[in-house]
């Protein structure tokens, strides 16, 4: 089977829009091991961001998507069942990513599966 791959992007926009809890490499490694997927994480911090009252504030107009402060979790697998279970575990632990661009950089199958599971597990907003 062809590899299924997605990038899930969470932005630090406060408790209503960001992940339910901090995304930790250790937790991702456990989810990957249990489900037979490959999961990696990348933290991107915009040099123009700042904290105000516990919320990250930054200017995003004219900034490329890859330069905006975010946590990017990449999940891939050749086994659709394992891929789905890994995505389901991420959504249940961290919530659905809350952006139109949440799956930017995914392949079509990965993007479709994430959308489907976000609807089922957490609602897509």
PDB file of N, CA and C in Angstrom:
ATOM      1  N   UNK A   1       0.839  -1.181   0.000  1.00  0.00           N
ATOM      2  CA  UNK A   1       0.000   0.000   0.000  1.00  0.00           C
ATOM      3  C   UNK A   1       0.887   1.248   0.000  1.00  0.00           C
ATOM      4  N   UNK A   2       0.407   2.277  -0.634  1.00  0.00           N
ATOM      5  CA  UNK A   2       1.119   3.560  -0.693  1.00  0.00           C
ATOM      6  C   UNK A   2       1.117   4.236   0.678  1.00  0.00           C
ATOM      7  N   UNK A   3       2.167   4.985   0.953  1.00  0.00           N
ATOM      8  CA  UNK A   3       2.271   5.669   2.237  1.00  0.00           C
ATOM      9  C   UNK A   3       1.185   6.736   2.384  1.00  0.00           C
ATOM     10  N   UNK A   4       0.570   6.772   3.553  1.00  0.00           N
ATOM     11  CA  UNK A   4      -0.390   7.819   3.911  1.00  0.00           C
ATOM     12  C   UNK A   4       0.362   8.767   4.833  1.00  0.00           C
ATOM     13  N   UNK A   5       0.266  10.064   4.579  1.00  0.00           N
ATOM     14  CA  UNK A   5       1.018  11.035   5.378  1.00  0.00           C
ATOM     15  C   UNK A   5       0.171  12.273   5.616  1.00  0.00           C
ATOM     16  N   UNK A   6       0.257  12.761   6.842  1.00  0.00           N
ATOM     17  CA  UNK A   6      -0.397  14.023   7.156  1.00  0.00           C
ATOM     18  C   UNK A   6       0.485  14.862   8.059  1.00  0.00           C
ATOM     19  N   UNK A   7       0.281  16.149   7.961  1.00  0.00           N
ATOM     20  CA  UNK A   7       0.850  17.109   8.894  1.00  0.00           C
ATOM     21  C   UNK A   7      -0.334  17.735   9.613  1.00  0.00           C
ATOM     22  N   UNK A   8      -0.305  17.674  10.935  1.00  0.00           N
ATOM     23  CA  UNK A   8      -1.358  18.285  11.745  1.00  0.00           C
ATOM     24  C   UNK A   8      -0.730  19.473  12.460  1.00  0.00           C
ATOM     25  N   UNK A   9      -1.326  20.641  12.276  1.00  0.00           N
ATOM     26  CA  UNK A   9      -0.758  21.886  12.801  1.00  0.00           C
ATOM     27  C   UNK A   9      -1.653  22.454  13.897  1.00  0.00           C
ATOM     28  N   UNK A  10      -1.071  22.589  15.101  1.00  0.00           N
ATOM     29  CA  UNK A  10      -1.771  23.239  16.208  1.00  0.00           C
ATOM     30  C   UNK A  10      -1.117  24.575  16.455  1.00  0.00           C
ATOM     31  N   UNK A  11      -1.927  25.609  16.595  1.00  0.00           N
ATOM     32  CA  UNK A  11      -1.437  26.960  16.838  1.00  0.00           C
ATOM     33  C   UNK A  11      -1.714  27.325  18.300  1.00  0.00           C
ATOM     34  N   UNK A  12      -0.804  28.019  18.969  1.00  0.00           N
ATOM     35  CA  UNK A  12      -0.982  28.344  20.394  1.00  0.00           C
ATOM     36  C   UNK A  12      -1.923  29.530  20.584  1.00  0.00           C
ATOM     37  N   UNK A  13      -3.201  29.302  20.337  1.00  0.00           N
ATOM     38  CA  UNK A  13      -4.170  30.402  20.371  1.00  0.00           C
ATOM     39  C   UNK A  13      -5.037  30.357  21.617  1.00  0.00           C
ATOM     40  N   UNK A  14      -4.530  29.818  22.705  1.00  0.00           N
ATOM     41  CA  UNK A  14      -5.294  29.754  23.942  1.00  0.00           C
ATOM     42  C   UNK A  14      -6.021  28.429  24.086  1.00  0.00           C
ATOM     43  N   UNK A  15      -6.633  28.186  25.237  1.00  0.00           N
ATOM     44  CA  UNK A  15      -7.221  26.885  25.533  1.00  0.00           C
ATOM     45  C   UNK A  15      -8.381  26.492  24.621  1.00  0.00           C
ATOM     46  N   UNK A  16      -9.086  27.440  24.053  1.00  0.00           N
ATOM     47  CA  UNK A  16     -10.214  27.097  23.181  1.00  0.00           C
ATOM     48  C   UNK A  16      -9.769  26.666  21.790  1.00  0.00           C
ATOM     49  N   UNK A  17      -8.595  27.083  21.367  1.00  0.00           N
ATOM     50  CA  UNK A  17      -8.169  26.815  19.990  1.00  0.00           C
ATOM     51  C   UNK A  17      -6.878  26.022  19.875  1.00  0.00           C
ATOM     52  N   UNK A  18      -6.062  26.033  20.908  1.00  0.00           N
ATOM     53  CA  UNK A  18      -4.811  25.285  20.871  1.00  0.00           C
ATOM     54  C   UNK A  18      -5.044  23.842  21.297  1.00  0.00           C
ATOM     55  N   UNK A  19      -3.971  23.061  21.420  1.00  0.00           N
ATOM     56  CA  UNK A  19      -4.129  21.676  21.870  1.00  0.00           C
ATOM     57  C   UNK A  19      -4.619  21.634  23.321  1.00  0.00           C
ATOM     58  N   UNK A  20      -5.288  20.542  23.695  1.00  0.00           N
ATOM     59  CA  UNK A  20      -5.803  20.376  25.052  1.00  0.00           C
ATOM     60  C   UNK A  20      -4.688  20.393  26.093  1.00  0.00           C
ATOM     61  N   UNK A  21      -3.520  19.889  25.721  1.00  0.00           N
ATOM     62  CA  UNK A  21      -2.366  19.817  26.614  1.00  0.00           C
ATOM     63  C   UNK A  21      -1.106  19.935  25.772  1.00  0.00           C
ATOM     64  N   UNK A  22       0.048  20.201  26.399  1.00  0.00           N
ATOM     65  CA  UNK A  22       1.283  20.314  25.616  1.00  0.00           C
ATOM     66  C   UNK A  22       1.572  19.028  24.825  1.00  0.00           C
ATOM     67  N   UNK A  23       2.036  19.193  23.612  1.00  0.00           N
ATOM     68  CA  UNK A  23       2.378  18.056  22.749  1.00  0.00           C
ATOM     69  C   UNK A  23       3.824  17.684  23.035  1.00  0.00           C
ATOM     70  N   UNK A  24       4.015  16.485  23.577  1.00  0.00           N
ATOM     71  CA  UNK A  24       5.339  16.026  24.003  1.00  0.00           C
ATOM     72  C   UNK A  24       5.822  14.872  23.144  1.00  0.00           C
ATOM     73  N   UNK A  25       7.104  14.887  22.792  1.00  0.00           N
ATOM     74  CA  UNK A  25       7.713  13.845  21.954  1.00  0.00           C
ATOM     75  C   UNK A  25       7.517  12.462  22.576  1.00  0.00           C
ATOM     76  N   UNK A  26       7.674  12.359  23.897  1.00  0.00           N
ATOM     77  CA  UNK A  26       7.500  11.078  24.591  1.00  0.00           C
ATOM     78  C   UNK A  26       6.117  10.480  24.339  1.00  0.00           C
ATOM     79  N   UNK A  27       5.084  11.317  24.444  1.00  0.00           N
ATOM     80  CA  UNK A  27       3.717  10.863  24.212  1.00  0.00           C
ATOM     81  C   UNK A  27       3.515  10.438  22.759  1.00  0.00           C
ATOM     82  N   UNK A  28       4.099  11.194  21.836  1.00  0.00           N
ATOM     83  CA  UNK A  28       3.983  10.857  20.414  1.00  0.00           C
ATOM     84  C   UNK A  28       4.671   9.533  20.117  1.00  0.00           C
ATOM     85  N   UNK A  29       5.819   9.300  20.746  1.00  0.00           N
ATOM     86  CA  UNK A  29       6.538   8.038  20.546  1.00  0.00           C
ATOM     87  C   UNK A  29       5.694   6.845  20.990  1.00  0.00           C
ATOM     88  N   UNK A  30       4.968   6.987  22.094  1.00  0.00           N
ATOM     89  CA  UNK A  30       4.104   5.908  22.588  1.00  0.00           C
ATOM     90  C   UNK A  30       2.960   5.641  21.610  1.00  0.00           C
ATOM     91  N   UNK A  31       2.341   6.720  21.131  1.00  0.00           N
ATOM     92  CA  UNK A  31       1.246   6.567  20.162  1.00  0.00           C
ATOM     93  C   UNK A  31       1.759   5.892  18.897  1.00  0.00           C
ATOM     94  N   UNK A  32       2.938   6.291  18.430  1.00  0.00           N
ATOM     95  CA  UNK A  32       3.526   5.696  17.220  1.00  0.00           C
ATOM     96  C   UNK A  32       3.789   4.207  17.424  1.00  0.00           C
ATOM     97  N   UNK A  33       4.363   3.854  18.560  1.00  0.00           N
ATOM     98  CA  UNK A  33       4.713   2.460  18.827  1.00  0.00           C
ATOM     99  C   UNK A  33       3.472   1.571  18.893  1.00  0.00           C
ATOM    100  N   UNK A  34       2.446   2.018  19.588  1.00  0.00           N
ATOM    101  CA  UNK A  34       1.221   1.241  19.749  1.00  0.00           C
ATOM    102  C   UNK A  34       0.512   1.030  18.408  1.00  0.00           C
ATOM    103  N   UNK A  35       0.595   2.017  17.508  1.00  0.00           N
ATOM    104  CA  UNK A  35      -0.184   1.976  16.266  1.00  0.00           C
ATOM    105  C   UNK A  35       0.633   1.666  15.020  1.00  0.00           C
ATOM    106  N   UNK A  36       1.932   1.474  15.162  1.00  0.00           N
ATOM    107  CA  UNK A  36       2.760   1.127  14.012  1.00  0.00           C
ATOM    108  C   UNK A  36       2.901   2.256  13.004  1.00  0.00           C
ATOM    109  N   UNK A  37       2.876   3.492  13.495  1.00  0.00           N
ATOM    110  CA  UNK A  37       3.032   4.652  12.614  1.00  0.00           C
ATOM    111  C   UNK A  37       4.365   5.330  12.907  1.00  0.00           C
ATOM    112  N   UNK A  38       4.761   6.203  12.021  1.00  0.00           N
ATOM    113  CA  UNK A  38       5.936   7.046  12.246  1.00  0.00           C
ATOM    114  C   UNK A  38       5.416   8.439  12.567  1.00  0.00           C
ATOM    115  N   UNK A  39       5.816   8.972  13.730  1.00  0.00           N
ATOM    116  CA  UNK A  39       5.331  10.287  14.153  1.00  0.00           C
ATOM    117  C   UNK A  39       6.519  11.144  14.554  1.00  0.00           C
ATOM    118  N   UNK A  40       6.543  12.360  14.019  1.00  0.00           N
ATOM    119  CA  UNK A  40       7.580  13.319  14.403  1.00  0.00           C
ATOM    120  C   UNK A  40       6.909  14.642  14.760  1.00  0.00           C
ATOM    121  N   UNK A  41       7.643  15.490  15.472  1.00  0.00           N
ATOM    122  CA  UNK A  41       7.097  16.779  15.892  1.00  0.00           C
ATOM    123  C   UNK A  41       8.122  17.870  15.608  1.00  0.00           C
ATOM    124  N   UNK A  42       7.619  19.022  15.206  1.00  0.00           N
ATOM    125  CA  UNK A  42       8.466  20.186  14.968  1.00  0.00           C
ATOM    126  C   UNK A  42       7.801  21.397  15.618  1.00  0.00           C
ATOM    127  N   UNK A  43       8.570  22.104  16.428  1.00  0.00           N
ATOM    128  CA  UNK A  43       8.088  23.339  17.049  1.00  0.00           C
ATOM    129  C   UNK A  43       8.611  24.512  16.224  1.00  0.00           C
ATOM    130  N   UNK A  44       7.714  25.353  15.763  1.00  0.00           N
ATOM    131  CA  UNK A  44       8.102  26.536  14.991  1.00  0.00           C
ATOM    132  C   UNK A  44       7.730  27.764  15.817  1.00  0.00           C
ATOM    133  N   UNK A  45       8.680  28.655  16.010  1.00  0.00           N
ATOM    134  CA  UNK A  45       8.437  29.875  16.782  1.00  0.00           C
ATOM    135  C   UNK A  45       8.752  31.079  15.902  1.00  0.00           C
ATOM    136  N   UNK A  46       7.753  31.909  15.695  1.00  0.00           N
ATOM    137  CA  UNK A  46       7.925  33.132  14.910  1.00  0.00           C
ATOM    138  C   UNK A  46       8.757  34.112  15.732  1.00  0.00           C
ATOM    139  N   UNK A  47       9.775  34.660  15.111  1.00  0.00           N
ATOM    140  CA  UNK A  47      10.644  35.601  15.835  1.00  0.00           C
ATOM    141  C   UNK A  47       9.901  36.866  16.273  1.00  0.00           C
ATOM    142  N   UNK A  48       8.722  37.125  15.705  1.00  0.00           N
ATOM    143  CA  UNK A  48       7.950  38.315  16.067  1.00  0.00           C
ATOM    144  C   UNK A  48       6.830  38.017  17.064  1.00  0.00           C
ATOM    145  N   UNK A  49       6.791  36.798  17.615  1.00  0.00           N
ATOM    146  CA  UNK A  49       5.721  36.464  18.560  1.00  0.00           C
ATOM    147  C   UNK A  49       6.091  36.924  19.968  1.00  0.00           C
ATOM    148  N   UNK A  50       5.052  37.116  20.791  1.00  0.00           N
ATOM    149  CA  UNK A  50       5.270  37.502  22.184  1.00  0.00           C
ATOM    150  C   UNK A  50       4.106  36.971  23.015  1.00  0.00           C
ATOM    151  N   UNK A  51       4.341  36.780  24.300  1.00  0.00           N
ATOM    152  CA  UNK A  51       3.318  36.307  25.230  1.00  0.00           C
ATOM    153  C   UNK A  51       2.617  37.494  25.884  1.00  0.00           C
ATOM    154  N   UNK A  52       1.294  37.472  25.891  1.00  0.00           N
ATOM    155  CA  UNK A  52       0.504  38.499  26.571  1.00  0.00           C
ATOM    156  C   UNK A  52      -0.589  37.774  27.354  1.00  0.00           C
ATOM    157  N   UNK A  53      -0.502  37.824  28.653  1.00  0.00           N
ATOM    158  CA  UNK A  53      -1.504  37.161  29.492  1.00  0.00           C
ATOM    159  C   UNK A  53      -1.593  35.669  29.259  1.00  0.00           C
ATOM    160  N   UNK A  54      -0.474  35.026  28.980  1.00  0.00           N
ATOM    161  CA  UNK A  54      -0.454  33.582  28.764  1.00  0.00           C
ATOM    162  C   UNK A  54      -0.856  33.144  27.367  1.00  0.00           C
ATOM    163  N   UNK A  55      -1.075  34.097  26.477  1.00  0.00           N
ATOM    164  CA  UNK A  55      -1.468  33.792  25.102  1.00  0.00           C
ATOM    165  C   UNK A  55      -0.398  34.330  24.153  1.00  0.00           C
ATOM    166  N   UNK A  56      -0.041  33.532  23.138  1.00  0.00           N
ATOM    167  CA  UNK A  56       0.940  33.971  22.154  1.00  0.00           C
ATOM    168  C   UNK A  56       0.285  34.926  21.168  1.00  0.00           C
ATOM    169  N   UNK A  57       0.896  36.085  20.999  1.00  0.00           N
ATOM    170  CA  UNK A  57       0.413  37.102  20.065  1.00  0.00           C
ATOM    171  C   UNK A  57       1.494  37.289  19.001  1.00  0.00           C
ATOM    172  N   UNK A  58       1.095  37.342  17.741  1.00  0.00           N
ATOM    173  CA  UNK A  58       2.065  37.598  16.681  1.00  0.00           C
ATOM    174  C   UNK A  58       1.371  38.154  15.448  1.00  0.00           C
ATOM    175  N   UNK A  59       2.128  38.863  14.665  1.00  0.00           N
ATOM    176  CA  UNK A  59       1.641  39.391  13.386  1.00  0.00           C
ATOM    177  C   UNK A  59       1.804  38.286  12.351  1.00  0.00           C
ATOM    178  N   UNK A  60       0.712  37.891  11.704  1.00  0.00           N
ATOM    179  CA  UNK A  60       0.792  36.810  10.727  1.00  0.00           C
ATOM    180  C   UNK A  60       0.555  37.267   9.286  1.00  0.00           C
ATOM    181  N   UNK A  61       0.121  38.499   9.100  1.00  0.00           N
ATOM    182  CA  UNK A  61      -0.091  38.997   7.733  1.00  0.00           C
ATOM    183  C   UNK A  61       1.254  39.107   7.029  1.00  0.00           C
ATOM    184  N   UNK A  62       1.329  38.579   5.847  1.00  0.00           N
ATOM    185  CA  UNK A  62       2.556  38.650   5.062  1.00  0.00           C
ATOM    186  C   UNK A  62       3.626  37.673   5.521  1.00  0.00           C
ATOM    187  N   UNK A  63       3.271  36.734   6.400  1.00  0.00           N
ATOM    188  CA  UNK A  63       4.221  35.731   6.894  1.00  0.00           C
ATOM    189  C   UNK A  63       3.817  34.382   6.308  1.00  0.00           C
ATOM    190  N   UNK A  64       4.779  33.610   5.817  1.00  0.00           N
ATOM    191  CA  UNK A  64       4.442  32.300   5.246  1.00  0.00           C
ATOM    192  C   UNK A  64       3.950  31.364   6.347  1.00  0.00           C
ATOM    193  N   UNK A  65       3.111  30.408   5.986  1.00  0.00           N
ATOM    194  CA  UNK A  65       2.526  29.476   6.935  1.00  0.00           C
ATOM    195  C   UNK A  65       3.600  28.765   7.759  1.00  0.00           C
ATOM    196  N   UNK A  66       4.705  28.409   7.122  1.00  0.00           N
ATOM    197  CA  UNK A  66       5.765  27.669   7.797  1.00  0.00           C
ATOM    198  C   UNK A  66       6.537  28.519   8.807  1.00  0.00           C
ATOM    199  N   UNK A  67       6.299  29.831   8.843  1.00  0.00           N
ATOM    200  CA  UNK A  67       7.002  30.714   9.774  1.00  0.00           C
ATOM    201  C   UNK A  67       6.138  31.168  10.950  1.00  0.00           C
ATOM    202  N   UNK A  68       4.874  30.761  10.984  1.00  0.00           N
ATOM    203  CA  UNK A  68       3.973  31.143  12.068  1.00  0.00           C
ATOM    204  C   UNK A  68       4.184  30.186  13.240  1.00  0.00           C
ATOM    205  N   UNK A  69       4.134  30.687  14.464  1.00  0.00           N
ATOM    206  CA  UNK A  69       4.311  29.849  15.649  1.00  0.00           C
ATOM    207  C   UNK A  69       3.277  28.724  15.654  1.00  0.00           C
ATOM    208  N   UNK A  70       3.769  27.491  15.770  1.00  0.00           N
ATOM    209  CA  UNK A  70       2.889  26.328  15.710  1.00  0.00           C
ATOM    210  C   UNK A  70       3.650  25.070  16.112  1.00  0.00           C
ATOM    211  N   UNK A  71       2.894  24.040  16.413  1.00  0.00           N
ATOM    212  CA  UNK A  71       3.444  22.700  16.614  1.00  0.00           C
ATOM    213  C   UNK A  71       2.960  21.861  15.449  1.00  0.00           C
ATOM    214  N   UNK A  72       3.896  21.278  14.696  1.00  0.00           N
ATOM    215  CA  UNK A  72       3.553  20.466  13.535  1.00  0.00           C
ATOM    216  C   UNK A  72       3.878  19.004  13.852  1.00  0.00           C
ATOM    217  N   UNK A  73       2.843  18.163  13.833  1.00  0.00           N
ATOM    218  CA  UNK A  73       3.011  16.736  14.056  1.00  0.00           C
ATOM    219  C   UNK A  73       2.814  16.045  12.716  1.00  0.00           C
ATOM    220  N   UNK A  74       3.830  15.302  12.282  1.00  0.00           N
ATOM    221  CA  UNK A  74       3.756  14.566  11.023  1.00  0.00           C
ATOM    222  C   UNK A  74       3.559  13.090  11.335  1.00  0.00           C
ATOM    223  N   UNK A  75       2.558  12.491  10.697  1.00  0.00           N
ATOM    224  CA  UNK A  75       2.234  11.080  10.903  1.00  0.00           C
ATOM    225  C   UNK A  75       2.254  10.395   9.544  1.00  0.00           C
ATOM    226  N   UNK A  76       2.911   9.234   9.476  1.00  0.00           N
ATOM    227  CA  UNK A  76       2.900   8.476   8.227  1.00  0.00           C
ATOM    228  C   UNK A  76       2.859   6.979   8.521  1.00  0.00           C
ATOM    229  N   UNK A  77       2.286   6.250   7.577  1.00  0.00           N
ATOM    230  CA  UNK A  77       2.201   4.793   7.682  1.00  0.00           C
ATOM    231  C   UNK A  77       1.746   4.236   6.338  1.00  0.00           C
ATOM    232  N   UNK A  78       2.112   2.999   6.087  1.00  0.00           N
ATOM    233  CA  UNK A  78       1.598   2.296   4.906  1.00  0.00           C
ATOM    234  C   UNK A  78       0.348   1.479   5.261  1.00  0.00           C
ATOM    235  N   UNK A  79       0.054   1.378   6.551  1.00  0.00           N
ATOM    236  CA  UNK A  79      -1.099   0.631   7.041  1.00  0.00           C
ATOM    237  C   UNK A  79      -2.209   1.613   7.415  1.00  0.00           C
ATOM    238  N   UNK A  80      -3.299   1.622   6.667  1.00  0.00           N
ATOM    239  CA  UNK A  80      -4.354   2.596   6.925  1.00  0.00           C
ATOM    240  C   UNK A  80      -4.984   2.421   8.299  1.00  0.00           C
ATOM    241  N   UNK A  81      -5.143   1.190   8.752  1.00  0.00           N
ATOM    242  CA  UNK A  81      -5.717   0.957  10.076  1.00  0.00           C
ATOM    243  C   UNK A  81      -4.864   1.571  11.180  1.00  0.00           C
ATOM    244  N   UNK A  82      -3.562   1.346  11.122  1.00  0.00           N
ATOM    245  CA  UNK A  82      -2.646   1.917  12.105  1.00  0.00           C
ATOM    246  C   UNK A  82      -2.605   3.433  12.019  1.00  0.00           C
ATOM    247  N   UNK A  83      -2.636   3.957  10.796  1.00  0.00           N
ATOM    248  CA  UNK A  83      -2.654   5.400  10.589  1.00  0.00           C
ATOM    249  C   UNK A  83      -3.894   6.011  11.240  1.00  0.00           C
ATOM    250  N   UNK A  84      -5.048   5.409  10.976  1.00  0.00           N
ATOM    251  CA  UNK A  84      -6.297   5.913  11.540  1.00  0.00           C
ATOM    252  C   UNK A  84      -6.264   5.885  13.075  1.00  0.00           C
ATOM    253  N   UNK A  85      -5.756   4.805  13.636  1.00  0.00           N
ATOM    254  CA  UNK A  85      -5.696   4.690  15.091  1.00  0.00           C
ATOM    255  C   UNK A  85      -4.754   5.735  15.687  1.00  0.00           C
ATOM    256  N   UNK A  86      -3.636   5.998  15.022  1.00  0.00           N
ATOM    257  CA  UNK A  86      -2.703   7.023  15.502  1.00  0.00           C
ATOM    258  C   UNK A  86      -3.358   8.405  15.453  1.00  0.00           C
ATOM    259  N   UNK A  87      -4.040   8.709  14.366  1.00  0.00           N
ATOM    260  CA  UNK A  87      -4.721  10.009  14.242  1.00  0.00           C
ATOM    261  C   UNK A  87      -5.817  10.134  15.302  1.00  0.00           C
ATOM    262  N   UNK A  88      -6.583   9.073  15.486  1.00  0.00           N
ATOM    263  CA  UNK A  88      -7.646   9.068  16.494  1.00  0.00           C
ATOM    264  C   UNK A  88      -7.059   9.330  17.891  1.00  0.00           C
ATOM    265  N   UNK A  89      -5.927   8.696  18.207  1.00  0.00           N
ATOM    266  CA  UNK A  89      -5.273   8.899  19.506  1.00  0.00           C
ATOM    267  C   UNK A  89      -4.815  10.346  19.664  1.00  0.00           C
ATOM    268  N   UNK A  90      -4.270  10.939  18.602  1.00  0.00           N
ATOM    269  CA  UNK A  90      -3.836  12.343  18.654  1.00  0.00           C
ATOM    270  C   UNK A  90      -5.021  13.276  18.891  1.00  0.00           C
ATOM    271  N   UNK A  91      -6.111  13.041  18.178  1.00  0.00           N
ATOM    272  CA  UNK A  91      -7.299  13.887  18.328  1.00  0.00           C
ATOM    273  C   UNK A  91      -7.878  13.753  19.734  1.00  0.00           C
ATOM    274  N   UNK A  92      -7.934  12.527  20.249  1.00  0.00           N
ATOM    275  CA  UNK A  92      -8.484  12.325  21.593  1.00  0.00           C
ATOM    276  C   UNK A  92      -7.610  12.957  22.671  1.00  0.00           C
ATOM    277  N   UNK A  93      -6.296  12.974  22.468  1.00  0.00           N
ATOM    278  CA  UNK A  93      -5.373  13.531  23.459  1.00  0.00           C
ATOM    279  C   UNK A  93      -5.263  15.050  23.352  1.00  0.00           C
ATOM    280  N   UNK A  94      -5.168  15.568  22.114  1.00  0.00           N
ATOM    281  CA  UNK A  94      -4.872  16.991  21.913  1.00  0.00           C
ATOM    282  C   UNK A  94      -6.030  17.800  21.345  1.00  0.00           C
ATOM    283  N   UNK A  95      -7.079  17.142  20.875  1.00  0.00           N
ATOM    284  CA  UNK A  95      -8.175  17.828  20.209  1.00  0.00           C
ATOM    285  C   UNK A  95      -7.859  18.016  18.732  1.00  0.00           C
ATOM    286  N   UNK A  96      -8.867  18.353  17.971  1.00  0.00           N
ATOM    287  CA  UNK A  96      -8.665  18.611  16.541  1.00  0.00           C
ATOM    288  C   UNK A  96      -7.903  19.907  16.356  1.00  0.00           C
ATOM    289  N   UNK A  97      -6.995  19.949  15.387  1.00  0.00           N
ATOM    290  CA  UNK A  97      -6.380  21.243  15.063  1.00  0.00           C
ATOM    291  C   UNK A  97      -7.479  22.185  14.567  1.00  0.00           C
ATOM    292  N   UNK A  98      -7.413  23.456  14.927  1.00  0.00           N
ATOM    293  CA  UNK A  98      -8.518  24.389  14.672  1.00  0.00           C
ATOM    294  C   UNK A  98      -8.176  25.442  13.630  1.00  0.00           C
ATOM    295  N   UNK A  99      -7.735  25.023  12.478  1.00  0.00           N
ATOM    296  CA  UNK A  99      -7.386  25.997  11.452  1.00  0.00           C
ATOM    297  C   UNK A  99      -7.707  25.440  10.075  1.00  0.00           C
ATOM    298  N   UNK A 100      -8.040  26.345   9.177  1.00  0.00           N
ATOM    299  CA  UNK A 100      -8.257  25.970   7.784  1.00  0.00           C
ATOM    300  C   UNK A 100      -7.009  25.305   7.203  1.00  0.00           C
ATOM    301  N   UNK A 101      -5.850  25.693   7.704  1.00  0.00           N
ATOM    302  CA  UNK A 101      -4.577  25.190   7.183  1.00  0.00           C
ATOM    303  C   UNK A 101      -4.002  24.061   8.038  1.00  0.00           C
ATOM    304  N   UNK A 102      -4.823  23.442   8.887  1.00  0.00           N
ATOM    305  CA  UNK A 102      -4.346  22.448   9.844  1.00  0.00           C
ATOM    306  C   UNK A 102      -3.643  21.260   9.197  1.00  0.00           C
ATOM    307  N   UNK A 103      -4.017  20.903   7.985  1.00  0.00           N
ATOM    308  CA  UNK A 103      -3.402  19.740   7.329  1.00  0.00           C
ATOM    309  C   UNK A 103      -2.561  20.130   6.111  1.00  0.00           C
ATOM    310  N   UNK A 104      -2.180  21.391   6.029  1.00  0.00           N
ATOM    311  CA  UNK A 104      -1.339  21.873   4.928  1.00  0.00           C
ATOM    312  C   UNK A 104      -0.055  21.040   4.865  1.00  0.00           C
ATOM    313  N   UNK A 105       0.271  20.505   3.690  1.00  0.00           N
ATOM    314  CA  UNK A 105       1.469  19.692   3.518  1.00  0.00           C
ATOM    315  C   UNK A 105       1.201  18.195   3.559  1.00  0.00           C
ATOM    316  N   UNK A 106      -0.059  17.806   3.746  1.00  0.00           N
ATOM    317  CA  UNK A 106      -0.429  16.391   3.787  1.00  0.00           C
ATOM    318  C   UNK A 106      -0.652  15.864   2.377  1.00  0.00           C
ATOM    319  N   UNK A 107      -0.568  14.525   2.218  1.00  0.00           N
ATOM    320  CA  UNK A 107      -1.017  13.997   0.936  1.00  0.00           C
ATOM    321  C   UNK A 107      -2.542  13.878   0.992  1.00  0.00           C
ATOM    322  N   UNK A 108      -3.174  13.698  -0.149  1.00  0.00           N
ATOM    323  CA  UNK A 108      -4.640  13.761  -0.221  1.00  0.00           C
ATOM    324  C   UNK A 108      -5.318  12.740   0.682  1.00  0.00           C
ATOM    325  N   UNK A 109      -4.820  11.499   0.697  1.00  0.00           N
ATOM    326  CA  UNK A 109      -5.435  10.458   1.532  1.00  0.00           C
ATOM    327  C   UNK A 109      -5.314  10.814   3.013  1.00  0.00           C
ATOM    328  N   UNK A 110      -4.134  11.284   3.435  1.00  0.00           N
ATOM    329  CA  UNK A 110      -3.928  11.665   4.826  1.00  0.00           C
ATOM    330  C   UNK A 110      -4.836  12.806   5.236  1.00  0.00           C
ATOM    331  N   UNK A 111      -4.948  13.805   4.386  1.00  0.00           N
ATOM    332  CA  UNK A 111      -5.796  14.971   4.655  1.00  0.00           C
ATOM    333  C   UNK A 111      -7.260  14.555   4.803  1.00  0.00           C
ATOM    334  N   UNK A 112      -7.722  13.664   3.942  1.00  0.00           N
ATOM    335  CA  UNK A 112      -9.100  13.204   3.959  1.00  0.00           C
ATOM    336  C   UNK A 112      -9.390  12.435   5.249  1.00  0.00           C
ATOM    337  N   UNK A 113      -8.474  11.551   5.642  1.00  0.00           N
ATOM    338  CA  UNK A 113      -8.663  10.743   6.852  1.00  0.00           C
ATOM    339  C   UNK A 113      -8.692  11.640   8.091  1.00  0.00           C
ATOM    340  N   UNK A 114      -7.792  12.620   8.168  1.00  0.00           N
ATOM    341  CA  UNK A 114      -7.787  13.536   9.315  1.00  0.00           C
ATOM    342  C   UNK A 114      -9.117  14.283   9.399  1.00  0.00           C
ATOM    343  N   UNK A 115      -9.606  14.792   8.281  1.00  0.00           N
ATOM    344  CA  UNK A 115     -10.891  15.493   8.280  1.00  0.00           C
ATOM    345  C   UNK A 115     -12.026  14.607   8.755  1.00  0.00           C
ATOM    346  N   UNK A 116     -12.054  13.388   8.263  1.00  0.00           N
ATOM    347  CA  UNK A 116     -13.091  12.432   8.649  1.00  0.00           C
ATOM    348  C   UNK A 116     -13.044  12.140  10.157  1.00  0.00           C
ATOM    349  N   UNK A 117     -11.842  11.870  10.675  1.00  0.00           N
ATOM    350  CA  UNK A 117     -11.713  11.528  12.087  1.00  0.00           C
ATOM    351  C   UNK A 117     -11.924  12.736  13.002  1.00  0.00           C
ATOM    352  N   UNK A 118     -11.540  13.912  12.556  1.00  0.00           N
ATOM    353  CA  UNK A 118     -11.826  15.114  13.344  1.00  0.00           C
ATOM    354  C   UNK A 118     -13.331  15.308  13.488  1.00  0.00           C
ATOM    355  N   UNK A 119     -14.069  15.078  12.416  1.00  0.00           N
ATOM    356  CA  UNK A 119     -15.540  15.169  12.479  1.00  0.00           C
ATOM    357  C   UNK A 119     -16.111  14.147  13.460  1.00  0.00           C
ATOM    358  N   UNK A 120     -15.611  12.918  13.389  1.00  0.00           N
ATOM    359  CA  UNK A 120     -16.127  11.848  14.238  1.00  0.00           C
ATOM    360  C   UNK A 120     -15.766  12.043  15.706  1.00  0.00           C
ATOM    361  N   UNK A 121     -14.543  12.420  15.976  1.00  0.00           N
ATOM    362  CA  UNK A 121     -14.031  12.420  17.347  1.00  0.00           C
ATOM    363  C   UNK A 121     -14.210  13.734  18.098  1.00  0.00           C
ATOM    364  N   UNK A 122     -14.091  14.866  17.413  1.00  0.00           N
ATOM    365  CA  UNK A 122     -14.031  16.142  18.131  1.00  0.00           C
ATOM    366  C   UNK A 122     -14.840  17.249  17.468  1.00  0.00           C
ATOM    367  N   UNK A 123     -15.308  17.019  16.288  1.00  0.00           N
ATOM    368  CA  UNK A 123     -15.964  18.094  15.551  1.00  0.00           C
ATOM    369  C   UNK A 123     -14.907  18.959  14.893  1.00  0.00           C
ATOM    370  N   UNK A 124     -15.098  19.320  13.678  1.00  0.00           N
ATOM    371  CA  UNK A 124     -14.117  20.108  12.919  1.00  0.00           C
ATOM    372  C   UNK A 124     -14.580  21.533  12.930  1.00  0.00           C
ATOM    373  N   UNK A 125     -13.732  22.434  13.387  1.00  0.00           N
ATOM    374  CA  UNK A 125     -14.150  23.830  13.403  1.00  0.00           C
ATOM    375  C   UNK A 125     -13.242  24.670  12.563  1.00  0.00           C
TER     376      UNK A 125
END
